[in-house]
Structure formats: C-alpha cells, structure tokens
PDB file of N, CA and C in Angstrom:
ATOM      1  N   MET A   1      11.520   3.009  35.498  1.00  0.00           N
ATOM      2  CA  MET A   1      10.125   3.279  35.210  1.00  0.00           C
ATOM      3  C   MET A   1       9.883   3.088  33.713  1.00  0.00           C
ATOM      4  N   THR A   2       8.859   2.346  33.357  1.00  0.00           N
ATOM      5  CA  THR A   2       8.522   2.091  31.965  1.00  0.00           C
ATOM      6  C   THR A   2       7.550   3.152  31.465  1.00  0.00           C
ATOM      7  N   ARG A   3       7.904   3.728  30.348  1.00  0.00           N
ATOM      8  CA  ARG A   3       7.023   4.731  29.750  1.00  0.00           C
ATOM      9  C   ARG A   3       6.141   4.061  28.714  1.00  0.00           C
ATOM     10  N   ILE A   4       4.894   4.366  28.746  1.00  0.00           N
ATOM     11  CA  ILE A   4       3.953   3.845  27.762  1.00  0.00           C
ATOM     12  C   ILE A   4       3.888   4.840  26.612  1.00  0.00           C
ATOM     13  N   ARG A   5       4.217   4.337  25.429  1.00  0.00           N
ATOM     14  CA  ARG A   5       4.162   5.210  24.256  1.00  0.00           C
ATOM     15  C   ARG A   5       2.720   5.362  23.802  1.00  0.00           C
ATOM     16  N   THR A   6       2.367   6.573  23.466  1.00  0.00           N
ATOM     17  CA  THR A   6       1.019   6.793  22.944  1.00  0.00           C
ATOM     18  C   THR A   6       0.985   6.366  21.487  1.00  0.00           C
ATOM     19  N   LYS A   7      -0.132   5.835  21.085  1.00  0.00           N
ATOM     20  CA  LYS A   7      -0.301   5.350  19.736  1.00  0.00           C
ATOM     21  C   LYS A   7      -0.478   6.532  18.789  1.00  0.00           C
ATOM     22  N   GLN A   8       0.276   6.517  17.695  1.00  0.00           N
ATOM     23  CA  GLN A   8       0.136   7.560  16.692  1.00  0.00           C
ATOM     24  C   GLN A   8      -1.115   7.289  15.875  1.00  0.00           C
ATOM     25  N   PRO A   9      -1.910   8.319  15.615  1.00  0.00           N
ATOM     26  CA  PRO A   9      -3.079   8.089  14.765  1.00  0.00           C
ATOM     27  C   PRO A   9      -2.622   7.756  13.349  1.00  0.00           C
ATOM     28  N   ARG A  10      -3.253   6.774  12.734  1.00  0.00           N
ATOM     29  CA  ARG A  10      -2.837   6.408  11.387  1.00  0.00           C
ATOM     30  C   ARG A  10      -3.608   7.248  10.374  1.00  0.00           C
ATOM     31  N   LEU A  11      -2.989   7.454   9.254  1.00  0.00           N
ATOM     32  CA  LEU A  11      -3.593   8.224   8.181  1.00  0.00           C
ATOM     33  C   LEU A  11      -4.430   7.291   7.325  1.00  0.00           C
ATOM     34  N   GLN A  12      -5.730   7.504   7.335  1.00  0.00           N
ATOM     35  CA  GLN A  12      -6.622   6.762   6.455  1.00  0.00           C
ATOM     36  C   GLN A  12      -7.422   7.794   5.683  1.00  0.00           C
ATOM     37  N   LEU A  13      -7.170   7.851   4.397  1.00  0.00           N
ATOM     38  CA  LEU A  13      -7.755   8.879   3.556  1.00  0.00           C
ATOM     39  C   LEU A  13      -9.199   8.577   3.193  1.00  0.00           C
ATOM     40  N   PRO A  14      -9.982   9.625   2.937  1.00  0.00           N
ATOM     41  CA  PRO A  14     -11.325   9.420   2.382  1.00  0.00           C
ATOM     42  C   PRO A  14     -11.198   8.764   0.997  1.00  0.00           C
ATOM     43  N   PHE A  15     -12.243   8.106   0.552  1.00  0.00           N
ATOM     44  CA  PHE A  15     -12.214   7.312  -0.677  1.00  0.00           C
ATOM     45  C   PHE A  15     -11.682   8.091  -1.879  1.00  0.00           C
ATOM     46  N   ASP A  16     -12.165   9.305  -2.118  1.00  0.00           N
ATOM     47  CA  ASP A  16     -11.739  10.060  -3.299  1.00  0.00           C
ATOM     48  C   ASP A  16     -10.250  10.409  -3.234  1.00  0.00           C
ATOM     49  N   LYS A  17      -9.746  10.753  -2.068  1.00  0.00           N
ATOM     50  CA  LYS A  17      -8.324  11.066  -1.908  1.00  0.00           C
ATOM     51  C   LYS A  17      -7.475   9.797  -2.054  1.00  0.00           C
ATOM     52  N   TYR A  18      -7.991   8.670  -1.555  1.00  0.00           N
ATOM     53  CA  TYR A  18      -7.271   7.403  -1.687  1.00  0.00           C
ATOM     54  C   TYR A  18      -7.157   7.004  -3.158  1.00  0.00           C
ATOM     55  N   ARG A  19      -8.225   7.197  -3.929  1.00  0.00           N
ATOM     56  CA  ARG A  19      -8.182   6.890  -5.370  1.00  0.00           C
ATOM     57  C   ARG A  19      -7.132   7.730  -6.071  1.00  0.00           C
ATOM     58  N   GLU A  20      -7.029   8.989  -5.695  1.00  0.00           N
ATOM     59  CA  GLU A  20      -6.023   9.884  -6.270  1.00  0.00           C
ATOM     60  C   GLU A  20      -4.604   9.389  -5.917  1.00  0.00           C
ATOM     61  N   LEU A  21      -4.407   9.019  -4.656  1.00  0.00           N
ATOM     62  CA  LEU A  21      -3.115   8.489  -4.215  1.00  0.00           C
ATOM     63  C   LEU A  21      -2.796   7.179  -4.929  1.00  0.00           C
ATOM     64  N   HIS A  22      -3.795   6.324  -5.081  1.00  0.00           N
ATOM     65  CA  HIS A  22      -3.666   5.046  -5.771  1.00  0.00           C
ATOM     66  C   HIS A  22      -3.105   5.282  -7.177  1.00  0.00           C
ATOM     67  N   ARG A  23      -3.663   6.225  -7.886  1.00  0.00           N
ATOM     68  CA  ARG A  23      -3.198   6.544  -9.243  1.00  0.00           C
ATOM     69  C   ARG A  23      -1.768   7.098  -9.221  1.00  0.00           C
ATOM     70  N   MET A  24      -1.463   7.919  -8.232  1.00  0.00           N
ATOM     71  CA  MET A  24      -0.110   8.470  -8.114  1.00  0.00           C
ATOM     72  C   MET A  24       0.917   7.352  -7.901  1.00  0.00           C
ATOM     73  N   VAL A  25       0.560   6.357  -7.089  1.00  0.00           N
ATOM     74  CA  VAL A  25       1.468   5.231  -6.828  1.00  0.00           C
ATOM     75  C   VAL A  25       1.680   4.417  -8.103  1.00  0.00           C
ATOM     76  N   LEU A  26       0.611   4.168  -8.851  1.00  0.00           N
ATOM     77  CA  LEU A  26       0.736   3.449 -10.122  1.00  0.00           C
ATOM     78  C   LEU A  26       1.657   4.205 -11.078  1.00  0.00           C
ATOM     79  N   GLN A  27       1.491   5.530 -11.156  1.00  0.00           N
ATOM     80  CA  GLN A  27       2.352   6.339 -12.022  1.00  0.00           C
ATOM     81  C   GLN A  27       3.796   6.318 -11.525  1.00  0.00           C
ATOM     82  N   ARG A  28       3.981   6.478 -10.229  1.00  0.00           N
ATOM     83  CA  ARG A  28       5.330   6.452  -9.646  1.00  0.00           C
ATOM     84  C   ARG A  28       6.053   5.159  -9.994  1.00  0.00           C
ATOM     85  N   ASP A  29       5.318   4.043  -9.955  1.00  0.00           N
ATOM     86  CA  ASP A  29       5.892   2.733 -10.208  1.00  0.00           C
ATOM     87  C   ASP A  29       5.865   2.357 -11.694  1.00  0.00           C
ATOM     88  N   ALA A  30       5.615   3.361 -12.540  1.00  0.00           N
ATOM     89  CA  ALA A  30       5.637   3.198 -14.008  1.00  0.00           C
ATOM     90  C   ALA A  30       4.660   2.128 -14.495  1.00  0.00           C
ATOM     91  N   TRP A  31       3.535   1.979 -13.808  1.00  0.00           N
ATOM     92  CA  TRP A  31       2.493   1.045 -14.201  1.00  0.00           C
ATOM     93  C   TRP A  31       3.049  -0.370 -14.368  1.00  0.00           C
ATOM     94  N   ARG A  32       3.932  -0.770 -13.436  1.00  0.00           N
ATOM     95  CA  ARG A  32       4.528  -2.105 -13.457  1.00  0.00           C
ATOM     96  C   ARG A  32       4.516  -2.695 -12.053  1.00  0.00           C
ATOM     97  N   CYS A  33       4.310  -4.005 -11.994  1.00  0.00           N
ATOM     98  CA  CYS A  33       4.426  -4.720 -10.729  1.00  0.00           C
ATOM     99  C   CYS A  33       5.869  -4.583 -10.252  1.00  0.00           C
ATOM    100  N   GLN A  34       6.052  -4.197  -9.030  1.00  0.00           N
ATOM    101  CA  GLN A  34       7.390  -3.980  -8.487  1.00  0.00           C
ATOM    102  C   GLN A  34       8.047  -5.284  -8.043  1.00  0.00           C
ATOM    103  N   ARG A  35       7.351  -6.377  -8.228  1.00  0.00           N
ATOM    104  CA  ARG A  35       7.908  -7.685  -7.885  1.00  0.00           C
ATOM    105  C   ARG A  35       8.313  -8.462  -9.140  1.00  0.00           C
ATOM    106  N   CYS A  36       7.426  -8.516 -10.145  1.00  0.00           N
ATOM    107  CA  CYS A  36       7.719  -9.325 -11.336  1.00  0.00           C
ATOM    108  C   CYS A  36       7.849  -8.497 -12.611  1.00  0.00           C
ATOM    109  N   GLY A  37       7.461  -7.231 -12.564  1.00  0.00           N
ATOM    110  CA  GLY A  37       7.554  -6.369 -13.742  1.00  0.00           C
ATOM    111  C   GLY A  37       6.338  -6.423 -14.645  1.00  0.00           C
ATOM    112  N   GLY A  38       5.347  -7.233 -14.283  1.00  0.00           N
ATOM    113  CA  GLY A  38       4.142  -7.356 -15.096  1.00  0.00           C
ATOM    114  C   GLY A  38       3.365  -6.048 -15.186  1.00  0.00           C
ATOM    115  N   MET A  39       2.527  -5.949 -16.229  1.00  0.00           N
ATOM    116  CA  MET A  39       1.764  -4.722 -16.448  1.00  0.00           C
ATOM    117  C   MET A  39       0.257  -4.952 -16.504  1.00  0.00           C
ATOM    118  N   THR A  40      -0.201  -6.124 -16.088  1.00  0.00           N
ATOM    119  CA  THR A  40      -1.637  -6.405 -16.128  1.00  0.00           C
ATOM    120  C   THR A  40      -2.162  -6.648 -14.718  1.00  0.00           C
ATOM    121  N   ARG A  41      -3.452  -6.371 -14.560  1.00  0.00           N
ATOM    122  CA  ARG A  41      -4.156  -6.590 -13.291  1.00  0.00           C
ATOM    123  C   ARG A  41      -3.406  -5.965 -12.110  1.00  0.00           C
ATOM    124  N   LEU A  42      -3.031  -4.706 -12.253  1.00  0.00           N
ATOM    125  CA  LEU A  42      -2.251  -4.026 -11.220  1.00  0.00           C
ATOM    126  C   LEU A  42      -3.108  -3.625 -10.034  1.00  0.00           C
ATOM    127  N   GLU A  43      -2.531  -3.762  -8.855  1.00  0.00           N
ATOM    128  CA  GLU A  43      -3.179  -3.413  -7.595  1.00  0.00           C
ATOM    129  C   GLU A  43      -2.180  -2.650  -6.743  1.00  0.00           C
ATOM    130  N   VAL A  44      -2.681  -1.891  -5.795  1.00  0.00           N
ATOM    131  CA  VAL A  44      -1.799  -1.166  -4.884  1.00  0.00           C
ATOM    132  C   VAL A  44      -1.832  -1.874  -3.536  1.00  0.00           C
ATOM    133  N   HIS A  45      -0.655  -2.216  -3.039  1.00  0.00           N
ATOM    134  CA  HIS A  45      -0.499  -3.000  -1.818  1.00  0.00           C
ATOM    135  C   HIS A  45       0.073  -2.135  -0.698  1.00  0.00           C
ATOM    136  N   HIS A  46      -0.465  -2.286   0.507  1.00  0.00           N
ATOM    137  CA  HIS A  46       0.096  -1.638   1.695  1.00  0.00           C
ATOM    138  C   HIS A  46       1.272  -2.473   2.196  1.00  0.00           C
ATOM    139  N   LEU A  47       2.448  -1.874   2.287  1.00  0.00           N
ATOM    140  CA  LEU A  47       3.613  -2.591   2.810  1.00  0.00           C
ATOM    141  C   LEU A  47       3.398  -2.966   4.272  1.00  0.00           C
ATOM    142  N   LYS A  48       2.878  -2.047   5.049  1.00  0.00           N
ATOM    143  CA  LYS A  48       2.450  -2.335   6.418  1.00  0.00           C
ATOM    144  C   LYS A  48       0.932  -2.230   6.413  1.00  0.00           C
ATOM    145  N   SER A  49       0.267  -3.336   6.652  1.00  0.00           N
ATOM    146  CA  SER A  49      -1.187  -3.386   6.496  1.00  0.00           C
ATOM    147  C   SER A  49      -1.912  -2.447   7.455  1.00  0.00           C
ATOM    148  N   ARG A  50      -3.092  -2.068   7.058  1.00  0.00           N
ATOM    149  CA  ARG A  50      -3.924  -1.203   7.901  1.00  0.00           C
ATOM    150  C   ARG A  50      -4.201  -1.863   9.244  1.00  0.00           C
ATOM    151  N   SER A  51      -4.367  -3.184   9.234  1.00  0.00           N
ATOM    152  CA  SER A  51      -4.673  -3.893  10.482  1.00  0.00           C
ATOM    153  C   SER A  51      -3.508  -3.867  11.462  1.00  0.00           C
ATOM    154  N   GLN A  52      -2.310  -3.538  10.952  1.00  0.00           N
ATOM    155  CA  GLN A  52      -1.132  -3.416  11.819  1.00  0.00           C
ATOM    156  C   GLN A  52      -0.708  -1.957  11.935  1.00  0.00           C
ATOM    157  N   SER A  53      -1.694  -1.076  11.867  1.00  0.00           N
ATOM    158  CA  SER A  53      -1.509   0.375  11.983  1.00  0.00           C
ATOM    159  C   SER A  53      -0.770   0.993  10.799  1.00  0.00           C
ATOM    160  N   GLY A  54      -0.778   0.319   9.659  1.00  0.00           N
ATOM    161  CA  GLY A  54      -0.222   0.913   8.444  1.00  0.00           C
ATOM    162  C   GLY A  54      -1.146   2.005   7.950  1.00  0.00           C
ATOM    163  N   ASN A  55      -0.571   2.988   7.286  1.00  0.00           N
ATOM    164  CA  ASN A  55      -1.420   4.097   6.857  1.00  0.00           C
ATOM    165  C   ASN A  55      -1.486   4.207   5.341  1.00  0.00           C
ATOM    166  N   ASP A  56      -2.322   5.117   4.905  1.00  0.00           N
ATOM    167  CA  ASP A  56      -2.503   5.397   3.484  1.00  0.00           C
ATOM    168  C   ASP A  56      -1.549   6.518   3.086  1.00  0.00           C
ATOM    169  N   SER A  57      -0.270   6.204   3.014  1.00  0.00           N
ATOM    170  CA  SER A  57       0.715   7.182   2.579  1.00  0.00           C
ATOM    171  C   SER A  57       1.479   6.604   1.398  1.00  0.00           C
ATOM    172  N   GLU A  58       2.008   7.471   0.566  1.00  0.00           N
ATOM    173  CA  GLU A  58       2.732   7.019  -0.616  1.00  0.00           C
ATOM    174  C   GLU A  58       3.896   6.100  -0.259  1.00  0.00           C
ATOM    175  N   GLN A  59       4.551   6.368   0.854  1.00  0.00           N
ATOM    176  CA  GLN A  59       5.702   5.561   1.272  1.00  0.00           C
ATOM    177  C   GLN A  59       5.298   4.153   1.709  1.00  0.00           C
ATOM    178  N   ASN A  60       4.032   3.954   2.042  1.00  0.00           N
ATOM    179  CA  ASN A  60       3.562   2.657   2.516  1.00  0.00           C
ATOM    180  C   ASN A  60       2.858   1.860   1.417  1.00  0.00           C
ATOM    181  N   LEU A  61       2.865   2.357   0.188  1.00  0.00           N
ATOM    182  CA  LEU A  61       2.136   1.711  -0.900  1.00  0.00           C
ATOM    183  C   LEU A  61       3.085   1.308  -2.023  1.00  0.00           C
ATOM    184  N   ILE A  62       2.773   0.184  -2.659  1.00  0.00           N
ATOM    185  CA  ILE A  62       3.579  -0.329  -3.766  1.00  0.00           C
ATOM    186  C   ILE A  62       2.643  -0.982  -4.788  1.00  0.00           C
ATOM    187  N   THR A  63       3.034  -0.949  -6.049  1.00  0.00           N
ATOM    188  CA  THR A  63       2.251  -1.556  -7.116  1.00  0.00           C
ATOM    189  C   THR A  63       2.637  -3.022  -7.276  1.00  0.00           C
ATOM    190  N   LEU A  64       1.624  -3.886  -7.260  1.00  0.00           N
ATOM    191  CA  LEU A  64       1.815  -5.317  -7.501  1.00  0.00           C
ATOM    192  C   LEU A  64       0.743  -5.795  -8.467  1.00  0.00           C
ATOM    193  N   CYS A  65       1.053  -6.823  -9.251  1.00  0.00           N
ATOM    194  CA  CYS A  65       0.016  -7.449 -10.067  1.00  0.00           C
ATOM    195  C   CYS A  65      -0.828  -8.332  -9.143  1.00  0.00           C
ATOM    196  N   GLY A  66      -1.977  -8.754  -9.612  1.00  0.00           N
ATOM    197  CA  GLY A  66      -2.863  -9.564  -8.787  1.00  0.00           C
ATOM    198  C   GLY A  66      -2.217 -10.833  -8.273  1.00  0.00           C
ATOM    199  N   ASP A  67      -1.438 -11.523  -9.133  1.00  0.00           N
ATOM    200  CA  ASP A  67      -0.775 -12.763  -8.706  1.00  0.00           C
ATOM    201  C   ASP A  67       0.245 -12.523  -7.610  1.00  0.00           C
ATOM    202  N   CYS A  68       1.098 -11.511  -7.805  1.00  0.00           N
ATOM    203  CA  CYS A  68       2.114 -11.215  -6.781  1.00  0.00           C
ATOM    204  C   CYS A  68       1.458 -10.720  -5.500  1.00  0.00           C
ATOM    205  N   HIS A  69       0.366  -9.976  -5.613  1.00  0.00           N
ATOM    206  CA  HIS A  69      -0.331  -9.478  -4.440  1.00  0.00           C
ATOM    207  C   HIS A  69      -0.854 -10.645  -3.600  1.00  0.00           C
ATOM    208  N   ARG A  70      -1.436 -11.638  -4.280  1.00  0.00           N
ATOM    209  CA  ARG A  70      -1.922 -12.829  -3.563  1.00  0.00           C
ATOM    210  C   ARG A  70      -0.769 -13.589  -2.914  1.00  0.00           C
ATOM    211  N   GLN A  71       0.357 -13.697  -3.619  1.00  0.00           N
ATOM    212  CA  GLN A  71       1.515 -14.403  -3.064  1.00  0.00           C
ATOM    213  C   GLN A  71       2.039 -13.701  -1.813  1.00  0.00           C
ATOM    214  N   VAL A  72       2.071 -12.379  -1.838  1.00  0.00           N
ATOM    215  CA  VAL A  72       2.536 -11.611  -0.680  1.00  0.00           C
ATOM    216  C   VAL A  72       1.647 -11.892   0.532  1.00  0.00           C
ATOM    217  N   HIS A  73       0.343 -12.067   0.279  1.00  0.00           N
ATOM    218  CA  HIS A  73      -0.605 -12.329   1.361  1.00  0.00           C
ATOM    219  C   HIS A  73      -0.730 -13.811   1.680  1.00  0.00           C
ATOM    220  N   GLY A  74       0.001 -14.650   0.963  1.00  0.00           N
ATOM    221  CA  GLY A  74      -0.005 -16.083   1.250  1.00  0.00           C
ATOM    222  C   GLY A  74      -1.271 -16.791   0.802  1.00  0.00           C
ATOM    223  N   CYS A  75      -1.924 -16.279  -0.212  1.00  0.00           N
ATOM    224  CA  CYS A  75      -3.168 -16.912  -0.716  1.00  0.00           C
ATOM    225  C   CYS A  75      -2.900 -17.838  -1.866  1.00  0.00           C
TER     226      CYS A  75
END
C-alpha cells in the first residue's frame, strides 16, 4: 500500500520579518558573496526556491552578489 505524504506548509514570512531575516543572513555571511567573495550589490538567494516549496528560513538563504545570483538562475 502506498502512503501519500502530506505536504508540509512552507514558512513564508511577512515583509517586515523577512527584511529582518535578510539582514541577519547578510551579517551571518559577513556581508560577502558566498560564491565569489564580492562585497557589492549583495542579494539574498533561496537555496531551494519558493516555487519548489522552499521557505524563508535562515538555513535556506545565502548571500550572493547580483552577478553570481544571475548565474545561479541561469540568466
């Protein structure tokens, strides 16, 4: 018999809480891109995207510069 797993609700924070988490991630990552080490145009990237049930948790976020962020997304 196959059991159907129930989908876990994903954590999506309200805007003000997300901004606070965003800043915490930047501080955790020492205000550096975790791919190239750059310190300009920093963005916070979801390791598992929201569209694939990724959530807004510190463990799912990483600091990337704009160029590396685009490369990760294949743009």
